[in-house]
Amino acid sequence: MDRGIYFDQDNRVRILDVDKFKASQALQDNCAKFVSNMQQLHDSVAKYVAAIDQQVERIEYEKLKAVGLRNRVAAMQEERRHKQQELQQQLNEKQEELDRLLIEEQSLQKVRTTQESTTAKLLDASSTGMF
């Protein structure tokens, strides 16, 4: 490497050759631009990650809401099934009571018919003087 003192076009004293100084200056400018671009990229990535995190939070909230709704629907279906069973049991009990009352009515009708027949025979017998 050549050592010495150099002068640039403005007649300033330089330790580096003018071409090497310009190359060094260009490298420094390019490095500054690169660092600036990297900072912009970092800022953009940070904004993107923040936006993604916000979307993740919204998605998680909606998932929890959907799970809650699904659980509520399942509970409503179970409640509806239970209510249907209760109503079916009440219907069966009422049907049994109706059947029992119909049988009782038929029995009472027979008793009534028998009593009316007996009463009619007694009236006929008393009017004909059999007693």
Protein backbone atom coordinates (compact mmCIF):
# COMPACT_ATOMS: atom_id res chain seq x y z
CA MET A 1 0.00 0.00 0.00
CA ASP A 2 1.27 3.39 -0.92
CA ARG A 3 1.67 5.73 1.95
CA GLY A 4 1.85 9.35 1.49
CA ILE A 5 0.10 12.63 1.47
CA TYR A 6 -2.33 13.39 -1.31
CA PHE A 7 -4.25 16.45 -2.37
CA ASP A 8 -7.83 16.36 -3.63
CA GLN A 9 -9.32 18.62 -6.29
CA ASP A 10 -10.08 21.26 -3.67
CA ASN A 11 -6.42 21.12 -2.63
CA ARG A 12 -7.17 19.56 0.73
CA VAL A 13 -4.59 17.32 2.29
CA ARG A 14 -5.57 13.64 2.31
CA ILE A 15 -3.88 10.54 3.66
CA LEU A 16 -5.69 8.30 1.15
CA ASP A 17 -5.43 8.46 -2.56
CA VAL A 18 -8.24 10.53 -4.08
CA ASP A 19 -9.80 7.50 -5.82
CA LYS A 20 -9.64 5.42 -2.65
CA PHE A 21 -11.11 8.30 -0.68
CA LYS A 22 -13.99 8.60 -3.17
CA ALA A 23 -14.53 4.83 -3.02
CA SER A 24 -14.44 4.98 0.77
CA GLN A 25 -16.87 7.90 0.75
CA ALA A 26 -19.19 6.02 -1.66
CA LEU A 27 -19.00 2.94 0.57
CA GLN A 28 -19.88 5.06 3.60
CA ASP A 29 -22.85 6.59 1.73
CA ASN A 30 -24.00 3.15 0.58
CA CYS A 31 -23.69 1.82 4.12
CA ALA A 32 -25.77 4.72 5.44
CA LYS A 33 -28.43 4.03 2.78
CA PHE A 34 -28.33 0.33 3.62
CA VAL A 35 -28.75 1.05 7.34
CA SER A 36 -31.62 3.43 6.53
CA ASN A 37 -33.26 0.80 4.31
CA MET A 38 -32.80 -1.83 7.01
CA GLN A 39 -34.42 0.49 9.55
CA GLN A 40 -37.35 1.08 7.19
CA LEU A 41 -37.63 -2.67 6.67
CA HIS A 42 -37.52 -3.22 10.43
CA ASP A 43 -40.26 -0.61 10.93
CA SER A 44 -42.38 -2.16 8.16
CA VAL A 45 -41.94 -5.64 9.62
CA ALA A 46 -42.84 -4.34 13.09
CA LYS A 47 -46.04 -2.77 11.70
CA TYR A 48 -46.85 -5.97 9.81
CA VAL A 49 -46.27 -8.11 12.90
CA ALA A 50 -48.43 -5.76 14.98
CA ALA A 51 -51.20 -6.00 12.37
CA ILE A 52 -50.90 -9.81 12.33
CA ASP A 53 -51.00 -9.91 16.14
CA GLN A 54 -54.14 -7.78 16.09
CA GLN A 55 -55.72 -10.14 13.56
CA VAL A 56 -54.71 -13.12 15.70
CA GLU A 57 -56.42 -11.53 18.71
CA ARG A 58 -59.59 -10.92 16.67
CA ILE A 59 -59.53 -14.47 15.34
CA GLU A 60 -59.05 -15.91 18.83
CA TYR A 61 -61.94 -13.76 20.10
CA GLU A 62 -64.17 -14.96 17.27
CA LYS A 63 -63.12 -18.57 17.88
CA LEU A 64 -64.01 -18.27 21.56
CA LYS A 65 -67.31 -16.66 20.61
CA ALA A 66 -68.03 -19.50 18.15
CA VAL A 67 -67.19 -22.12 20.78
CA GLY A 68 -69.49 -20.36 23.24
CA LEU A 69 -72.31 -20.29 20.69
CA ARG A 70 -71.75 -23.95 19.83
CA ASN A 71 -71.90 -24.85 23.53
CA ARG A 72 -75.05 -22.77 23.95
CA VAL A 73 -76.67 -24.49 20.96
CA ALA A 74 -75.69 -27.90 22.34
CA ALA A 75 -77.16 -26.96 25.73
CA MET A 76 -80.35 -25.74 24.07
CA GLN A 77 -80.64 -28.98 22.10
CA GLU A 78 -80.13 -31.01 25.27
CA GLU A 79 -82.70 -28.88 27.09
CA ARG A 80 -85.15 -29.28 24.20
CA ARG A 81 -84.64 -33.06 24.19
CA HIS A 82 -85.17 -33.18 27.95
CA LYS A 83 -88.32 -31.04 27.68
CA GLN A 84 -89.60 -33.29 24.88
CA GLN A 85 -89.07 -36.35 27.08
CA GLU A 86 -90.95 -34.66 29.94
CA LEU A 87 -93.84 -33.75 27.65
CA GLN A 88 -93.92 -37.27 26.20
CA GLN A 89 -94.04 -38.71 29.71
CA GLN A 90 -96.88 -36.33 30.64
CA LEU A 91 -98.70 -37.31 27.45
CA ASN A 92 -98.29 -41.01 28.29
CA GLU A 93 -99.58 -40.42 31.83
CA LYS A 94 -102.59 -38.48 30.51
CA GLN A 95 -103.28 -41.21 27.95
CA GLU A 96 -103.17 -43.86 30.69
CA GLU A 97 -105.53 -41.76 32.82
CA LEU A 98 -107.87 -41.33 29.83
CA ASP A 99 -107.85 -45.09 29.16
CA ARG A 100 -108.57 -45.79 32.85
CA LEU A 101 -111.41 -43.26 32.87
CA LEU A 102 -112.89 -44.71 29.68
CA ILE A 103 -112.85 -48.19 31.21
CA GLU A 104 -114.41 -46.78 34.37
CA GLU A 105 -117.07 -45.02 32.28
CA GLN A 106 -117.88 -48.26 30.44
CA SER A 107 -118.13 -50.07 33.76
CA LEU A 108 -120.41 -47.36 35.16
CA GLN A 109 -122.51 -47.49 31.99
CA LYS A 110 -122.95 -51.25 32.49
CA VAL A 111 -123.88 -50.70 36.13
CA ARG A 112 -126.32 -47.96 35.10
CA THR A 113 -127.83 -50.15 32.39
CA THR A 114 -128.14 -53.01 34.86
CA GLN A 115 -129.71 -50.73 37.47
CA GLU A 116 -132.11 -49.23 34.94
CA SER A 117 -133.06 -52.70 33.76
CA THR A 118 -133.58 -53.85 37.34
CA THR A 119 -135.56 -50.71 38.14
CA ALA A 120 -137.72 -51.22 35.06
CA LYS A 121 -138.35 -54.85 36.01
CA LEU A 122 -139.25 -53.83 39.53
CA LEU A 123 -141.61 -51.16 38.26
CA ASP A 124 -143.21 -53.62 35.87
CA ALA A 125 -143.50 -56.17 38.61
CA SER A 126 -145.02 -53.68 41.04
CA SER A 127 -147.46 -52.42 38.47
CA THR A 128 -148.57 -55.93 37.59
CA GLY A 129 -148.91 -56.77 41.23
CA MET A 130 -146.38 -59.47 41.66
CA PHE A 131 -145.51 -58.42 45.15
